[in-house]
Amino acid sequence: MGNLIITNTPTATAYGSLTGYIKTTYATLVEKFGEPIRYEWADTDGKVRVEWIITVVTEFDSSVIAIYDWKSSQPIDEITEWNVGGNIIAARDVAEFIDAEFSRKGSF
């Protein structure tokens, strides 16, 4: 598949659309990808509170995807389904890969 590079800088945000979901916990995401970018509700119109920015690098190119909560009113540490977005179709493949790894191993 390639390498996953966690950039976690707002300027690297995917600015794409929903491509899939990951079923896992906040604690597992933090363990695997580090602390997320945190937003104030007002800064995102109440849509996103935390986000991980991940660059997928292959031998041919690189793409940016984001893992984030979307319009969830649950406490962050109780969310178990996370949105994955990106500006490319490959982001869906990455979402499925990560979700399968979480499901298979219980963690990534």
C-alpha atoms as a PDB file:
ATOM      1  CA  MET A   1       0.000   0.000   0.000  1.00  0.00           C
ATOM      2  CA  GLY A   2       2.731   2.504   0.890  1.00  0.00           C
ATOM      3  CA  ASN A   3       3.735   4.480   3.945  1.00  0.00           C
ATOM      4  CA  LEU A   4       1.455   6.409   6.276  1.00  0.00           C
ATOM      5  CA  ILE A   5       2.870   9.718   7.473  1.00  0.00           C
ATOM      6  CA  ILE A   6       0.998  11.482  10.256  1.00  0.00           C
ATOM      7  CA  THR A   7       1.389  15.224   9.724  1.00  0.00           C
ATOM      8  CA  ASN A   8      -1.370  16.550  12.026  1.00  0.00           C
ATOM      9  CA  THR A   9      -1.083  20.114  10.854  1.00  0.00           C
ATOM     10  CA  PRO A  10      -4.228  22.026   9.875  1.00  0.00           C
ATOM     11  CA  THR A  11      -2.595  23.274   6.681  1.00  0.00           C
ATOM     12  CA  ALA A  12      -2.358  19.685   5.444  1.00  0.00           C
ATOM     13  CA  THR A  13      -6.104  19.036   5.801  1.00  0.00           C
ATOM     14  CA  ALA A  14      -7.541  16.898   3.045  1.00  0.00           C
ATOM     15  CA  TYR A  15     -10.427  19.305   2.244  1.00  0.00           C
ATOM     16  CA  GLY A  16     -12.190  16.480   0.513  1.00  0.00           C
ATOM     17  CA  SER A  17     -15.309  14.526   1.163  1.00  0.00           C
ATOM     18  CA  LEU A  18     -16.332  11.491   3.158  1.00  0.00           C
ATOM     19  CA  THR A  19     -14.840   8.289   1.764  1.00  0.00           C
ATOM     20  CA  GLY A  20     -15.380   5.776   4.565  1.00  0.00           C
ATOM     21  CA  TYR A  21     -15.429   5.006   8.256  1.00  0.00           C
ATOM     22  CA  ILE A  22     -13.140   3.511  10.886  1.00  0.00           C
ATOM     23  CA  LYS A  23     -14.589   1.679  13.866  1.00  0.00           C
ATOM     24  CA  THR A  24     -12.240   2.141  16.779  1.00  0.00           C
ATOM     25  CA  THR A  25     -11.798   4.171  19.927  1.00  0.00           C
ATOM     26  CA  TYR A  26     -10.289   7.591  20.473  1.00  0.00           C
ATOM     27  CA  ALA A  27      -7.639   6.013  22.708  1.00  0.00           C
ATOM     28  CA  THR A  28      -6.558   3.652  19.931  1.00  0.00           C
ATOM     29  CA  LEU A  29      -6.358   6.466  17.398  1.00  0.00           C
ATOM     30  CA  VAL A  30      -4.208   8.499  19.796  1.00  0.00           C
ATOM     31  CA  GLU A  31      -2.002   5.462  20.442  1.00  0.00           C
ATOM     32  CA  LYS A  32      -1.465   4.849  16.723  1.00  0.00           C
ATOM     33  CA  PHE A  33      -1.486   8.377  15.273  1.00  0.00           C
ATOM     34  CA  GLY A  34      -0.644  10.658  18.196  1.00  0.00           C
ATOM     35  CA  GLU A  35      -2.676  13.538  19.572  1.00  0.00           C
ATOM     36  CA  PRO A  36      -5.163  14.968  17.081  1.00  0.00           C
ATOM     37  CA  ILE A  37      -5.629  18.542  15.985  1.00  0.00           C
ATOM     38  CA  ARG A  38      -8.287  20.062  18.254  1.00  0.00           C
ATOM     39  CA  TYR A  39     -10.798  22.631  17.075  1.00  0.00           C
ATOM     40  CA  GLU A  40     -13.253  24.890  18.830  1.00  0.00           C
ATOM     41  CA  TRP A  41     -16.853  24.223  17.786  1.00  0.00           C
ATOM     42  CA  ALA A  42     -17.183  27.782  16.470  1.00  0.00           C
ATOM     43  CA  ASP A  43     -14.156  27.325  14.180  1.00  0.00           C
ATOM     44  CA  THR A  44     -15.804  24.413  12.345  1.00  0.00           C
ATOM     45  CA  ASP A  45     -19.467  25.441  12.562  1.00  0.00           C
ATOM     46  CA  GLY A  46     -19.994  22.660  15.092  1.00  0.00           C
ATOM     47  CA  LYS A  47     -18.912  19.949  12.666  1.00  0.00           C
ATOM     48  CA  VAL A  48     -15.485  18.715  13.813  1.00  0.00           C
ATOM     49  CA  ARG A  49     -13.747  18.749  17.204  1.00  0.00           C
ATOM     50  CA  VAL A  50     -10.722  16.526  16.533  1.00  0.00           C
ATOM     51  CA  GLU A  51      -8.894  15.420  13.395  1.00  0.00           C
ATOM     52  CA  TRP A  52      -5.845  13.402  12.376  1.00  0.00           C
ATOM     53  CA  ILE A  53      -4.163  14.297   9.081  1.00  0.00           C
ATOM     54  CA  ILE A  54      -2.414  11.398   7.370  1.00  0.00           C
ATOM     55  CA  THR A  55      -0.392  11.475   4.177  1.00  0.00           C
ATOM     56  CA  VAL A  56      -0.321   8.224   2.229  1.00  0.00           C
ATOM     57  CA  VAL A  57       2.892   7.934   0.234  1.00  0.00           C
ATOM     58  CA  THR A  58       3.299   5.364  -2.536  1.00  0.00           C
ATOM     59  CA  GLU A  59       6.013   4.966  -5.121  1.00  0.00           C
ATOM     60  CA  PHE A  60       3.865   6.945  -7.571  1.00  0.00           C
ATOM     61  CA  ASP A  61       2.394   9.809  -5.542  1.00  0.00           C
ATOM     62  CA  SER A  62       1.067  10.958  -2.198  1.00  0.00           C
ATOM     63  CA  SER A  63      -2.419  11.794  -0.954  1.00  0.00           C
ATOM     64  CA  VAL A  64      -3.769  13.405   2.192  1.00  0.00           C
ATOM     65  CA  ILE A  65      -6.651  11.937   4.178  1.00  0.00           C
ATOM     66  CA  ALA A  66      -8.257  12.957   7.460  1.00  0.00           C
ATOM     67  CA  ILE A  67      -9.808  10.933  10.297  1.00  0.00           C
ATOM     68  CA  TYR A  68     -12.319  13.026  12.250  1.00  0.00           C
ATOM     69  CA  ASP A  69     -15.495  13.144  14.287  1.00  0.00           C
ATOM     70  CA  TRP A  70     -18.413  14.619  12.339  1.00  0.00           C
ATOM     71  CA  LYS A  71     -21.228  16.466  14.036  1.00  0.00           C
ATOM     72  CA  SER A  72     -21.036  14.139  17.015  1.00  0.00           C
ATOM     73  CA  SER A  73     -22.395  15.248  20.352  1.00  0.00           C
ATOM     74  CA  GLN A  74     -20.836  12.262  22.144  1.00  0.00           C
ATOM     75  CA  PRO A  75     -17.834  12.854  24.367  1.00  0.00           C
ATOM     76  CA  ILE A  76     -14.728  12.348  22.217  1.00  0.00           C
ATOM     77  CA  ASP A  77     -13.551   9.363  24.280  1.00  0.00           C
ATOM     78  CA  GLU A  78     -16.894   7.573  23.668  1.00  0.00           C
ATOM     79  CA  ILE A  79     -16.929   7.797  19.864  1.00  0.00           C
ATOM     80  CA  THR A  80     -16.413   4.412  18.186  1.00  0.00           C
ATOM     81  CA  GLU A  81     -17.065   5.281  14.523  1.00  0.00           C
ATOM     82  CA  TRP A  82     -14.903   7.914  12.863  1.00  0.00           C
ATOM     83  CA  ASN A  83     -15.212   9.527   9.452  1.00  0.00           C
ATOM     84  CA  VAL A  84     -12.407   9.289   6.914  1.00  0.00           C
ATOM     85  CA  GLY A  85     -12.238  11.922   4.232  1.00  0.00           C
ATOM     86  CA  GLY A  86      -9.994  12.837   1.404  1.00  0.00           C
ATOM     87  CA  ASN A  87      -9.892  14.322  -2.032  1.00  0.00           C
ATOM     88  CA  ILE A  88      -9.170  11.050  -3.824  1.00  0.00           C
ATOM     89  CA  ILE A  89     -10.824   7.686  -4.249  1.00  0.00           C
ATOM     90  CA  ALA A  90      -7.753   6.006  -2.702  1.00  0.00           C
ATOM     91  CA  ALA A  91      -8.740   7.489   0.650  1.00  0.00           C
ATOM     92  CA  ARG A  92     -11.588   4.960   0.707  1.00  0.00           C
ATOM     93  CA  ASP A  93      -9.039   2.148   0.263  1.00  0.00           C
ATOM     94  CA  VAL A  94      -6.983   3.531   3.135  1.00  0.00           C
ATOM     95  CA  ALA A  95     -10.095   3.782   5.320  1.00  0.00           C
ATOM     96  CA  GLU A  96     -10.987   0.166   4.543  1.00  0.00           C
ATOM     97  CA  PHE A  97      -7.397  -0.969   5.193  1.00  0.00           C
ATOM     98  CA  ILE A  98      -7.180   0.808   8.550  1.00  0.00           C
ATOM     99  CA  ASP A  99     -10.667  -0.360   9.570  1.00  0.00           C
ATOM    100  CA  ALA A 100      -9.801  -3.962   8.665  1.00  0.00           C
ATOM    101  CA  GLU A 101      -6.599  -3.768  10.707  1.00  0.00           C
ATOM    102  CA  PHE A 102      -8.470  -2.362  13.723  1.00  0.00           C
ATOM    103  CA  SER A 103     -11.145  -5.065  13.380  1.00  0.00           C
ATOM    104  CA  ARG A 104      -8.706  -7.926  12.856  1.00  0.00           C
ATOM    105  CA  LYS A 105      -6.257  -7.077  15.617  1.00  0.00           C
ATOM    106  CA  GLY A 106      -8.384  -4.977  17.925  1.00  0.00           C
ATOM    107  CA  SER A 107      -5.847  -2.255  17.215  1.00  0.00           C
ATOM    108  CA  PHE A 108      -3.782  -1.063  14.272  1.00  0.00           C
END
